N, C-alpha and C. Protein backbone atom coordinates (compact mmCIF):
# COMPACT_ATOMS: atom_id res chain seq x y z
N MET A 1 0.71 -1.28 0.13
CA MET A 1 0.11 -0.03 -0.26
C MET A 1 1.09 1.34 0.23
N ASP A 2 2.02 1.42 -0.60
CA ASP A 2 2.57 2.38 -0.65
C ASP A 2 2.19 3.54 -1.55
N ASP A 3 2.54 4.62 -1.47
CA ASP A 3 2.07 5.99 -2.01
C ASP A 3 0.44 6.26 -2.05
N LEU A 4 -0.51 5.57 -1.18
CA LEU A 4 -1.66 5.55 -1.28
C LEU A 4 -1.73 7.25 -0.80
N HIS A 5 -3.23 7.85 -1.56
CA HIS A 5 -3.66 8.94 -1.26
C HIS A 5 -4.55 9.07 -0.35
N ILE A 6 -5.59 10.17 -0.15
CA ILE A 6 -6.44 10.23 0.57
C ILE A 6 -7.27 9.80 -0.51
N VAL A 7 -8.61 8.98 0.47
CA VAL A 7 -9.50 8.38 -0.59
C VAL A 7 -10.78 9.18 0.02
N GLN A 8 -12.01 8.65 -0.29
CA GLN A 8 -12.88 9.42 -0.01
C GLN A 8 -14.34 8.20 0.23
N VAL A 9 -15.02 8.11 1.01
CA VAL A 9 -15.97 6.78 1.75
C VAL A 9 -16.97 7.85 1.82
N GLY A 10 -17.96 7.64 1.26
CA GLY A 10 -19.39 8.68 1.80
C GLY A 10 -18.66 9.98 1.40
N ASN A 11 -18.89 11.01 2.41
CA ASN A 11 -18.72 12.24 2.59
C ASN A 11 -17.57 12.52 3.02
N VAL A 12 -17.00 11.38 3.84
CA VAL A 12 -15.63 11.43 4.58
C VAL A 12 -14.43 11.39 3.82
N LEU A 13 -13.34 12.20 3.92
CA LEU A 13 -12.19 12.49 3.08
C LEU A 13 -11.12 11.71 4.26
N VAL A 14 -10.25 10.56 3.91
CA VAL A 14 -9.99 9.49 4.52
C VAL A 14 -8.20 9.15 4.38
N SER A 15 -7.58 9.65 5.56
CA SER A 15 -6.11 9.58 5.04
C SER A 15 -5.82 8.37 5.21
N PRO A 16 -4.78 8.01 4.32
CA PRO A 16 -4.27 6.69 4.18
C PRO A 16 -3.65 6.11 5.24
N ASP A 17 -3.19 6.89 6.50
CA ASP A 17 -2.84 6.44 7.92
C ASP A 17 -3.57 5.38 8.12
N ILE A 18 -5.23 5.68 8.17
CA ILE A 18 -5.95 5.12 8.88
C ILE A 18 -5.95 3.65 8.39
N PHE A 19 -5.15 3.49 7.22
CA PHE A 19 -5.23 1.63 6.87
C PHE A 19 -3.95 1.37 6.82
N THR A 20 -2.96 2.40 7.22
CA THR A 20 -1.33 1.98 7.00
C THR A 20 -0.71 1.62 8.27
N GLU A 21 -1.54 2.61 9.17
CA GLU A 21 -0.20 2.31 10.85
C GLU A 21 -1.34 1.83 11.68
N ASN A 22 -0.56 0.76 12.34
CA ASN A 22 -1.49 0.12 13.16
C ASN A 22 -1.11 0.60 14.96
N PHE A 23 -2.12 0.57 15.60
CA PHE A 23 -2.69 0.70 16.65
C PHE A 23 -3.48 -0.16 17.84
N CYS A 24 -3.16 0.09 18.81
CA CYS A 24 -3.79 -0.69 20.03
C CYS A 24 -3.79 0.08 21.31
N CYS A 25 -4.55 0.19 22.11
CA CYS A 25 -4.20 1.25 23.72
C CYS A 25 -4.18 0.09 24.01
N ASP A 26 -2.59 0.57 25.17
CA ASP A 26 -2.27 -0.60 26.06
C ASP A 26 -1.99 0.25 27.36
N LEU A 27 -3.36 0.23 27.86
CA LEU A 27 -3.44 1.45 29.16
C LEU A 27 -2.56 0.50 30.30
N ASP A 28 -2.17 -0.51 30.24
CA ASP A 28 -1.26 -1.18 31.56
C ASP A 28 -0.01 -0.33 31.27
N LYS A 29 0.56 0.03 30.14
CA LYS A 29 1.87 0.79 29.84
C LYS A 29 1.57 2.26 29.98
N CYS A 30 0.38 2.93 29.32
CA CYS A 30 0.51 4.37 28.96
C CYS A 30 -0.37 4.95 30.38
N LYS A 31 -1.16 3.49 31.13
CA LYS A 31 -1.97 4.65 32.33
C LYS A 31 -2.99 5.46 31.83
N GLY A 32 -3.41 6.13 30.80
CA GLY A 32 -4.35 6.32 30.40
C GLY A 32 -3.85 8.22 30.30
N GLN A 33 -2.82 8.39 29.76
CA GLN A 33 -2.21 9.63 29.65
C GLN A 33 -3.16 10.31 28.74
N CYS A 34 -3.41 9.87 27.74
CA CYS A 34 -4.17 10.96 26.73
C CYS A 34 -5.41 11.98 27.63
N CYS A 35 -5.81 11.33 28.63
CA CYS A 35 -7.10 12.01 29.71
C CYS A 35 -6.51 13.06 30.14
N VAL A 36 -4.87 13.21 30.64
CA VAL A 36 -4.22 14.02 31.48
C VAL A 36 -2.98 15.19 30.81
N GLU A 37 -2.65 14.96 29.67
CA GLU A 37 -1.94 15.55 28.76
C GLU A 37 -2.29 16.22 27.47
N GLY A 38 -2.14 17.30 27.43
CA GLY A 38 -2.26 18.22 26.46
C GLY A 38 -2.50 19.64 26.78
N ASP A 39 -3.23 20.44 26.16
CA ASP A 39 -3.50 21.75 26.40
C ASP A 39 -4.85 22.41 26.29
N ALA A 40 -5.90 20.99 26.06
CA ALA A 40 -7.21 21.70 25.86
C ALA A 40 -7.77 20.09 26.10
N GLY A 41 -9.57 20.63 26.37
CA GLY A 41 -9.97 19.46 26.61
C GLY A 41 -10.42 18.51 25.56
N ALA A 42 -11.24 17.58 25.51
CA ALA A 42 -11.58 16.70 24.13
C ALA A 42 -12.56 17.89 23.73
N PRO A 43 -12.35 17.93 22.18
CA PRO A 43 -13.39 18.23 21.30
C PRO A 43 -15.24 17.86 21.98
N VAL A 44 -15.73 18.55 21.85
CA VAL A 44 -16.97 17.81 22.12
C VAL A 44 -18.22 18.96 21.34
N THR A 45 -19.54 18.18 21.04
CA THR A 45 -20.45 18.74 20.28
C THR A 45 -21.62 19.53 21.40
N LEU A 46 -22.43 20.12 21.15
CA LEU A 46 -23.62 20.74 21.96
C LEU A 46 -24.23 19.62 22.33
N ASP A 47 -24.62 18.75 21.21
CA ASP A 47 -25.23 17.37 21.79
C ASP A 47 -24.71 16.53 22.91
N GLU A 48 -23.45 16.87 22.77
CA GLU A 48 -22.56 15.73 23.84
C GLU A 48 -22.41 16.56 25.26
N ILE A 49 -22.78 17.62 25.23
CA ILE A 49 -22.65 18.54 26.17
C ILE A 49 -24.00 18.39 27.32
N GLY A 50 -24.84 18.17 26.25
CA GLY A 50 -26.17 17.67 27.03
C GLY A 50 -26.38 16.45 27.49
N GLY A 51 -25.63 15.53 26.91
CA GLY A 51 -25.23 14.14 27.28
C GLY A 51 -24.71 13.94 28.33
N ILE A 52 -23.41 14.62 28.44
CA ILE A 52 -22.75 14.83 29.90
C ILE A 52 -23.31 15.66 30.71
N GLU A 53 -23.98 16.25 30.59
CA GLU A 53 -24.53 17.27 31.87
C GLU A 53 -26.17 16.55 32.54
N ASP A 54 -26.58 15.83 31.65
CA ASP A 54 -27.29 14.66 32.15
C ASP A 54 -27.03 13.22 32.79
N SER A 55 -25.43 13.03 32.72
CA SER A 55 -24.54 12.35 33.28
C SER A 55 -23.67 12.55 34.45
N LEU A 56 -24.10 14.03 34.53
CA LEU A 56 -23.21 14.76 36.04
C LEU A 56 -23.14 14.35 36.96
N ASP A 57 -24.49 14.27 37.52
CA ASP A 57 -24.58 13.31 39.01
C ASP A 57 -24.26 12.23 39.30
N THR A 58 -24.10 11.56 38.25
CA THR A 58 -24.00 10.07 38.23
C THR A 58 -22.33 10.01 38.48
N VAL A 59 -21.41 11.24 37.84
CA VAL A 59 -20.21 10.80 38.17
C VAL A 59 -19.55 11.95 38.90
N TRP A 60 -20.10 12.48 39.60
CA TRP A 60 -19.88 14.01 40.35
C TRP A 60 -18.92 13.37 41.12
N LYS A 61 -19.13 12.20 41.83
CA LYS A 61 -18.38 11.68 43.04
C LYS A 61 -17.17 11.11 42.72
N ASP A 62 -16.77 10.64 41.32
CA ASP A 62 -15.74 10.10 40.77
C ASP A 62 -14.97 11.18 40.62
N MET A 63 -15.16 12.10 40.71
CA MET A 63 -14.48 13.71 39.92
C MET A 63 -13.65 14.22 41.13
N SER A 64 -12.29 14.80 40.94
CA SER A 64 -12.03 15.42 41.95
C SER A 64 -12.41 16.48 42.38
N ALA A 65 -12.06 16.90 43.48
CA ALA A 65 -12.47 18.71 43.94
C ALA A 65 -11.99 19.58 43.21
N SER A 66 -10.91 19.25 42.62
CA SER A 66 -10.60 20.16 41.79
C SER A 66 -11.44 20.54 40.34
N ALA A 67 -11.78 19.22 39.85
CA ALA A 67 -12.64 19.24 38.95
C ALA A 67 -13.86 19.85 38.98
N GLN A 68 -14.45 19.25 40.24
CA GLN A 68 -15.97 19.57 40.83
C GLN A 68 -15.73 21.28 40.59
N ALA A 69 -14.80 21.77 40.99
CA ALA A 69 -14.66 23.56 41.36
C ALA A 69 -14.59 23.87 39.97
N ILE A 70 -14.17 22.95 38.90
CA ILE A 70 -14.11 23.84 37.96
C ILE A 70 -15.41 23.65 37.17
N VAL A 71 -16.15 22.72 36.85
CA VAL A 71 -17.06 22.60 36.43
C VAL A 71 -18.20 23.44 37.08
N ASP A 72 -18.18 23.97 38.09
CA ASP A 72 -19.09 24.22 39.11
C ASP A 72 -19.03 26.17 38.87
N LYS A 73 -17.37 26.45 38.24
CA LYS A 73 -17.11 27.59 37.89
C LYS A 73 -17.73 27.95 36.53
N GLN A 74 -17.34 27.25 35.58
CA GLN A 74 -17.27 26.89 34.20
C GLN A 74 -18.26 26.05 33.39
N GLY A 75 -18.74 25.55 34.14
CA GLY A 75 -19.40 24.17 33.31
C GLY A 75 -18.31 23.02 32.68
N VAL A 76 -19.28 22.04 32.21
CA VAL A 76 -18.53 21.00 31.50
C VAL A 76 -17.59 21.20 30.47
N ALA A 77 -17.63 22.51 29.69
CA ALA A 77 -16.83 22.66 28.29
C ALA A 77 -16.51 23.83 28.28
N TYR A 78 -15.84 24.95 27.45
CA TYR A 78 -15.33 25.82 27.00
C TYR A 78 -14.99 25.99 25.88
N VAL A 79 -14.84 26.84 25.08
CA VAL A 79 -14.27 27.14 23.71
C VAL A 79 -12.96 27.59 23.90
N ASP A 80 -11.66 26.72 23.38
CA ASP A 80 -10.21 26.90 23.82
C ASP A 80 -9.73 28.06 22.50
N GLN A 81 -8.84 28.12 22.76
CA GLN A 81 -7.82 29.29 22.06
C GLN A 81 -7.91 29.29 20.67
N GLU A 82 -8.43 27.90 19.78
CA GLU A 82 -8.63 27.36 18.69
C GLU A 82 -10.21 27.82 18.02
N GLY A 83 -11.02 27.99 19.14
CA GLY A 83 -12.44 28.23 19.23
C GLY A 83 -13.39 27.12 19.11
N ASP A 84 -12.85 25.98 19.31
CA ASP A 84 -13.18 24.84 19.89
C ASP A 84 -13.83 24.33 20.92
N LEU A 85 -15.13 23.89 20.89
CA LEU A 85 -15.65 23.66 21.82
C LEU A 85 -15.01 22.39 22.38
N VAL A 86 -14.73 22.23 23.82
CA VAL A 86 -13.65 21.16 24.83
C VAL A 86 -14.26 21.19 25.75
N THR A 87 -13.98 19.78 26.52
CA THR A 87 -13.89 19.55 27.97
C THR A 87 -13.22 20.39 28.76
N SER A 88 -13.98 20.85 30.14
CA SER A 88 -13.27 21.42 30.96
C SER A 88 -12.05 20.80 30.86
N ILE A 89 -11.08 21.34 31.62
CA ILE A 89 -10.10 20.77 32.22
C ILE A 89 -9.59 21.29 33.55
N VAL A 90 -8.28 20.61 34.24
CA VAL A 90 -8.15 20.98 36.05
C VAL A 90 -6.26 21.45 35.52
N ASN A 91 -6.03 22.26 36.04
CA ASN A 91 -4.31 22.86 35.93
C ASN A 91 -4.07 22.90 34.45
N GLY A 92 -5.03 23.30 33.47
CA GLY A 92 -4.34 23.33 32.54
C GLY A 92 -4.21 22.45 31.45
N LYS A 93 -4.37 20.70 32.14
CA LYS A 93 -4.52 19.56 31.36
C LYS A 93 -5.49 18.68 31.61
N ASP A 94 -5.25 18.28 32.82
CA ASP A 94 -6.27 17.09 32.94
C ASP A 94 -7.98 17.19 32.68
N CYS A 95 -8.57 16.37 32.45
CA CYS A 95 -10.14 16.50 31.63
C CYS A 95 -10.63 16.40 33.17
N VAL A 96 -11.87 17.24 33.32
CA VAL A 96 -12.12 17.14 34.61
C VAL A 96 -12.88 15.60 34.82
N PHE A 97 -13.22 14.82 34.04
CA PHE A 97 -13.92 13.54 34.13
C PHE A 97 -12.66 12.65 34.20
N THR A 98 -11.55 12.83 34.24
CA THR A 98 -10.25 11.68 34.98
C THR A 98 -10.89 11.28 36.16
N CYS A 99 -10.64 9.88 36.49
CA CYS A 99 -10.51 9.37 37.56
C CYS A 99 -9.46 8.45 37.39
N TYR A 100 -9.13 7.99 38.70
CA TYR A 100 -8.07 7.06 38.99
C TYR A 100 -8.42 5.68 39.72
N GLU A 101 -8.08 4.56 38.87
CA GLU A 101 -8.33 2.98 39.62
C GLU A 101 -6.80 2.40 39.57
N ASN A 102 -6.26 2.26 40.20
CA ASN A 102 -4.81 1.23 40.18
C ASN A 102 -3.84 2.02 39.51
N GLY A 103 -3.72 2.89 39.82
CA GLY A 103 -2.77 3.97 39.33
C GLY A 103 -2.95 4.55 37.76
N CYS A 104 -4.23 4.23 37.23
CA CYS A 104 -4.22 4.28 35.87
C CYS A 104 -5.71 5.21 35.81
N CYS A 105 -5.43 6.22 34.63
CA CYS A 105 -6.87 6.87 34.59
C CYS A 105 -7.58 6.65 33.80
N LEU A 106 -8.58 6.90 33.98
CA LEU A 106 -10.31 6.49 33.43
C LEU A 106 -10.62 7.65 33.20
N CYS A 107 -11.67 7.19 32.24
CA CYS A 107 -13.42 8.13 32.27
C CYS A 107 -14.26 7.86 32.92
N ALA A 108 -14.42 8.81 33.97
CA ALA A 108 -15.79 8.77 34.77
C ALA A 108 -17.00 8.26 34.01
N LEU A 109 -17.24 9.77 33.22
CA LEU A 109 -18.12 9.04 32.03
C LEU A 109 -18.32 7.34 31.32
N GLU A 110 -17.26 7.41 31.06
CA GLU A 110 -17.45 5.71 30.29
C GLU A 110 -17.16 4.71 31.48
N ARG A 111 -17.17 4.83 32.38
CA ARG A 111 -16.89 3.98 33.61
C ARG A 111 -18.43 3.67 33.95
N ALA A 112 -19.38 4.95 34.28
CA ALA A 112 -20.44 5.27 34.63
C ALA A 112 -21.52 4.14 33.44
N TYR A 113 -20.94 4.51 32.36
CA TYR A 113 -21.76 3.81 31.36
C TYR A 113 -21.80 2.63 31.17
N ARG A 114 -20.29 2.09 31.10
CA ARG A 114 -20.26 0.16 31.60
C ARG A 114 -20.92 -0.19 32.68
N ALA A 115 -20.88 0.60 33.39
CA ALA A 115 -21.64 0.10 34.81
C ALA A 115 -23.25 0.36 34.62
N LYS A 116 -23.55 0.61 33.35
CA LYS A 116 -25.11 1.02 33.27
C LYS A 116 -25.66 1.65 33.84
N LYS A 117 -25.07 2.97 34.52
CA LYS A 117 -25.68 3.85 35.23
C LYS A 117 -26.16 5.24 34.35
N THR A 118 -25.55 5.33 32.96
CA THR A 118 -25.69 6.58 32.13
C THR A 118 -25.70 5.90 30.68
N ASP A 119 -26.58 6.54 29.93
CA ASP A 119 -26.87 6.34 28.89
C ASP A 119 -25.61 7.07 27.70
N PHE A 120 -25.03 7.93 28.22
CA PHE A 120 -23.99 8.83 27.76
C PHE A 120 -22.40 8.03 27.40
N VAL A 121 -21.89 7.33 26.61
CA VAL A 121 -20.47 6.72 26.78
C VAL A 121 -19.31 7.79 27.42
N LYS A 122 -18.97 8.91 26.38
CA LYS A 122 -18.29 9.73 26.30
C LYS A 122 -18.05 10.34 24.73
N PRO A 123 -17.46 11.58 25.39
CA PRO A 123 -17.01 12.26 23.56
C PRO A 123 -16.75 11.45 22.76
N ILE A 124 -17.41 11.36 21.57
CA ILE A 124 -16.72 10.57 20.32
C ILE A 124 -15.72 10.80 19.86
N SER A 125 -14.76 12.07 20.14
CA SER A 125 -13.78 12.48 19.62
C SER A 125 -12.57 11.79 20.77
N CYS A 126 -13.14 11.40 21.92
CA CYS A 126 -12.17 10.39 22.68
C CYS A 126 -12.42 8.78 22.32
N ALA A 127 -13.30 8.62 21.61
CA ALA A 127 -13.46 7.19 21.59
C ALA A 127 -13.01 6.77 20.32
N LEU A 128 -13.07 8.17 19.31
CA LEU A 128 -12.36 7.66 18.02
C LEU A 128 -10.74 7.88 18.28
N TYR A 129 -9.91 8.59 19.29
CA TYR A 129 -8.72 8.78 19.31
C TYR A 129 -7.80 7.37 18.98
N PRO A 130 -6.58 7.41 18.28
CA PRO A 130 -6.24 8.69 17.63
C PRO A 130 -6.65 8.92 16.42
N ILE A 131 -7.88 8.89 15.84
CA ILE A 131 -8.04 9.54 14.66
C ILE A 131 -8.94 10.81 15.17
N ARG A 132 -8.68 11.59 14.17
CA ARG A 132 -9.09 13.37 14.80
C ARG A 132 -10.02 13.34 13.57
N VAL A 133 -11.21 14.18 13.92
CA VAL A 133 -11.98 14.54 12.79
C VAL A 133 -12.28 16.17 12.25
N LYS A 134 -12.18 16.34 11.24
CA LYS A 134 -12.06 18.17 10.68
C LYS A 134 -13.61 17.89 9.66
N GLU A 135 -14.27 19.28 10.26
CA GLU A 135 -15.62 18.92 9.32
C GLU A 135 -15.81 20.48 8.82
N PHE A 136 -15.69 19.99 7.44
CA PHE A 136 -16.05 21.32 6.29
C PHE A 136 -17.07 21.87 6.12
N LYS A 137 -16.60 23.35 5.64
CA LYS A 137 -18.51 24.01 5.53
C LYS A 137 -19.45 23.20 4.70
N ASN A 138 -18.54 22.66 3.72
CA ASN A 138 -19.77 22.08 2.53
C ASN A 138 -19.93 20.65 3.11
N GLY A 139 -20.10 20.48 4.52
CA GLY A 139 -20.40 19.06 4.94
C GLY A 139 -19.74 17.68 4.70
N THR A 140 -18.22 17.68 4.02
CA THR A 140 -17.25 16.75 3.71
C THR A 140 -16.82 17.02 5.29
N VAL A 141 -16.15 15.70 5.49
CA VAL A 141 -15.36 15.56 7.06
C VAL A 141 -14.19 14.99 6.50
N GLY A 142 -13.18 14.98 7.39
CA GLY A 142 -11.97 14.57 7.29
C GLY A 142 -11.38 13.66 8.45
N ILE A 143 -11.05 12.72 8.19
CA ILE A 143 -10.38 11.91 9.62
C ILE A 143 -8.52 11.61 9.16
N ASN A 144 -7.79 11.65 10.31
CA ASN A 144 -6.85 11.85 10.31
C ASN A 144 -6.59 10.88 11.72
N TYR A 145 -5.09 10.49 10.96
CA TYR A 145 -4.26 9.55 12.78
C TYR A 145 -3.43 10.46 12.79
N ASN A 146 -3.50 10.92 14.51
CA ASN A 146 -2.91 12.23 15.14
C ASN A 146 -1.93 10.87 15.74
N ARG A 147 -0.76 11.46 15.39
CA ARG A 147 0.82 10.85 15.97
C ARG A 147 0.96 11.56 17.54
N TRP A 148 0.95 10.63 18.41
CA TRP A 148 1.25 11.53 19.80
C TRP A 148 2.02 10.42 20.87
N ASP A 149 3.22 11.11 21.16
CA ASP A 149 4.27 10.30 21.92
C ASP A 149 3.84 9.59 23.33
N VAL A 150 2.53 9.95 23.39
CA VAL A 150 2.01 9.31 24.77
C VAL A 150 1.25 7.98 24.37
N CYS A 151 1.19 7.98 23.06
CA CYS A 151 0.85 6.41 22.31
C CYS A 151 1.60 5.61 21.68
N LYS A 152 2.87 5.88 22.14
CA LYS A 152 4.23 5.05 21.52
C LYS A 152 3.59 3.62 21.88
N ASP A 153 3.57 3.69 23.11
CA ASP A 153 3.00 1.96 23.49
C ASP A 153 2.10 1.16 22.61
N ALA A 154 1.25 2.03 22.43
CA ALA A 154 -0.23 1.73 21.46
C ALA A 154 0.48 1.34 20.24
N VAL A 155 1.23 1.79 19.72
CA VAL A 155 1.75 1.46 18.24
C VAL A 155 2.78 0.05 18.08
N VAL A 156 3.53 0.26 19.45
CA VAL A 156 4.19 -1.21 19.34
C VAL A 156 2.69 -2.26 19.44
N LYS A 157 2.00 -1.87 20.49
CA LYS A 157 1.08 -3.28 20.59
C LYS A 157 0.21 -3.50 19.35
N GLY A 158 -0.29 -2.49 18.56
CA GLY A 158 -0.85 -2.41 17.32
C GLY A 158 0.20 -3.10 16.40
N ARG A 159 1.54 -2.92 16.24
CA ARG A 159 2.40 -3.79 15.35
C ARG A 159 2.14 -5.09 15.67
N GLU A 160 2.84 -5.76 16.83
CA GLU A 160 2.46 -6.84 17.60
C GLU A 160 1.07 -7.68 17.01
N LEU A 161 0.18 -6.56 17.27
CA LEU A 161 -1.03 -7.76 16.83
C LEU A 161 -1.61 -7.36 15.35
N ASN A 162 -0.77 -6.56 14.46
CA ASN A 162 -1.13 -6.24 13.05
C ASN A 162 -2.47 -5.89 12.92
N LEU A 163 -2.61 -4.37 13.70
CA LEU A 163 -4.13 -4.11 13.96
C LEU A 163 -4.18 -3.01 13.33
N PRO A 164 -4.72 -2.72 12.25
CA PRO A 164 -4.72 -1.15 11.24
C PRO A 164 -5.71 -0.29 12.52
N VAL A 165 -5.58 0.65 12.32
CA VAL A 165 -6.00 1.90 13.34
C VAL A 165 -7.81 1.92 12.74
N TYR A 166 -7.84 1.64 11.63
CA TYR A 166 -9.60 1.59 11.64
C TYR A 166 -10.25 0.19 11.98
N LYS A 167 -9.46 -0.99 11.94
CA LYS A 167 -10.09 -2.29 12.49
C LYS A 167 -10.07 -1.98 14.10
N PHE A 168 -8.90 -1.32 14.67
CA PHE A 168 -9.09 -0.91 16.36
C PHE A 168 -10.12 -0.15 16.53
N LEU A 169 -10.61 0.96 16.01
CA LEU A 169 -11.57 1.83 15.92
C LEU A 169 -12.60 1.30 15.10
N GLU A 170 -13.37 0.21 15.21
CA GLU A 170 -14.34 -0.37 14.27
C GLU A 170 -15.41 0.32 15.33
N GLY A 171 -15.67 -0.02 16.11
CA GLY A 171 -16.98 0.66 17.33
C GLY A 171 -17.14 1.92 16.89
N PRO A 172 -16.08 3.18 17.51
CA PRO A 172 -16.13 4.22 17.55
C PRO A 172 -16.35 4.95 15.93
N LEU A 173 -16.11 4.02 14.98
CA LEU A 173 -16.04 4.78 13.29
C LEU A 173 -17.41 4.58 13.17
N THR A 174 -18.16 3.12 13.53
CA THR A 174 -19.45 3.01 13.45
C THR A 174 -20.58 3.73 14.34
N ARG A 175 -20.17 3.82 15.35
CA ARG A 175 -21.00 5.09 16.20
C ARG A 175 -21.00 6.45 15.54
N ARG A 176 -20.00 6.99 14.97
CA ARG A 176 -19.70 8.18 14.59
C ARG A 176 -20.57 8.04 13.12
N PHE A 177 -20.07 7.49 12.21
CA PHE A 177 -20.56 7.27 10.50
C PHE A 177 -21.57 6.56 10.38
N GLY A 178 -21.64 5.14 11.14
CA GLY A 178 -23.00 4.15 10.83
C GLY A 178 -22.07 3.18 9.93
N ALA A 179 -23.10 2.17 10.06
CA ALA A 179 -22.22 0.54 10.12
C ALA A 179 -21.86 0.42 8.23
N GLU A 180 -23.00 1.19 7.60
CA GLU A 180 -22.65 1.14 6.39
C GLU A 180 -21.75 1.55 5.59
N TRP A 181 -21.46 3.05 6.35
CA TRP A 181 -20.25 3.66 6.06
C TRP A 181 -18.98 2.31 6.69
N TYR A 182 -19.09 2.09 7.88
CA TYR A 182 -17.49 1.28 8.18
C TYR A 182 -17.75 0.18 7.13
N ALA A 183 -18.73 -0.84 6.66
CA ALA A 183 -18.66 -1.69 5.33
C ALA A 183 -17.59 -1.14 4.39
N GLU A 184 -18.20 -0.20 4.03
CA GLU A 184 -17.42 0.50 2.55
C GLU A 184 -16.19 0.61 3.09
N LEU A 185 -15.55 1.28 3.86
CA LEU A 185 -14.33 1.88 4.64
C LEU A 185 -13.92 0.64 4.66
N CYS A 186 -14.03 -0.95 4.93
CA CYS A 186 -13.48 -2.23 4.91
C CYS A 186 -13.37 -2.58 3.25
N GLU A 187 -14.26 -2.24 2.82
CA GLU A 187 -14.01 -2.54 1.12
C GLU A 187 -12.89 -1.54 0.60
N VAL A 188 -12.99 -0.69 0.66
CA VAL A 188 -12.01 0.19 0.23
C VAL A 188 -10.57 -0.40 0.85
N ALA A 189 -10.43 -0.48 2.20
CA ALA A 189 -9.00 -1.01 2.99
C ALA A 189 -8.66 -2.46 2.12
N GLU A 190 -9.44 -3.18 1.64
CA GLU A 190 -9.04 -4.48 1.10
C GLU A 190 -8.76 -4.33 -0.37
N GLN A 191 -9.42 -3.46 -0.93
CA GLN A 191 -9.00 -2.61 -2.35
C GLN A 191 -7.55 -1.77 -2.16
N LEU A 192 -7.44 -1.24 -1.96
CA LEU A 192 -5.92 -0.64 -1.32
C LEU A 192 -4.91 -1.86 -1.17
N LYS A 193 -5.28 -2.71 -0.45
CA LYS A 193 -4.58 -3.97 -0.33
C LYS A 193 -3.98 -4.69 -1.28
N LYS A 194 -4.85 -4.59 -2.60
CA LYS A 194 -4.36 -5.26 -4.28
C LYS A 194 -3.57 -4.18 -5.01
N MET A 195 -3.11 -3.10 -4.37
CA MET A 195 -3.26 -2.22 -5.42
C MET A 195 -1.29 -1.84 -5.27
């Protein structure tokens, strides 16, 4: 699959890295650093903010006192320097929904969802990582693979398992774009392998 170019699946422009790079989160090694590193929170939509606010009472006790104070002051999200709506953060980096278990950072929202306490799982931008989504004014969407040093163990594990990014993220990609779209993405991947 050398010299691949951006392909279009439905109205989504897909970076070739989605097909060629391998990835599989290795929480035992990274300890969930993607939730506590960086300079802004996770991108969210207005609908997601509603889901987060509906889940807030359920996850409140899992949030740190600092996170609770931030949410009391500014809410669950804010507009960052680039003009994007993102989850609120503590001390300029930690997502307010981080919680810890056995030294590992977890998402309080996802943990409540898995325990069947809420209907909201977590922002789709979190679920899709390391894919980043860019929406264009004409209705087209672009997806790119985002390389980040804190995910180096996920790259190693992905290579060991020979697990391409698009297969690792089957669930979140299906959640965001639909089952029919994901099936078409897989067909494109198979076609590209033959090139």
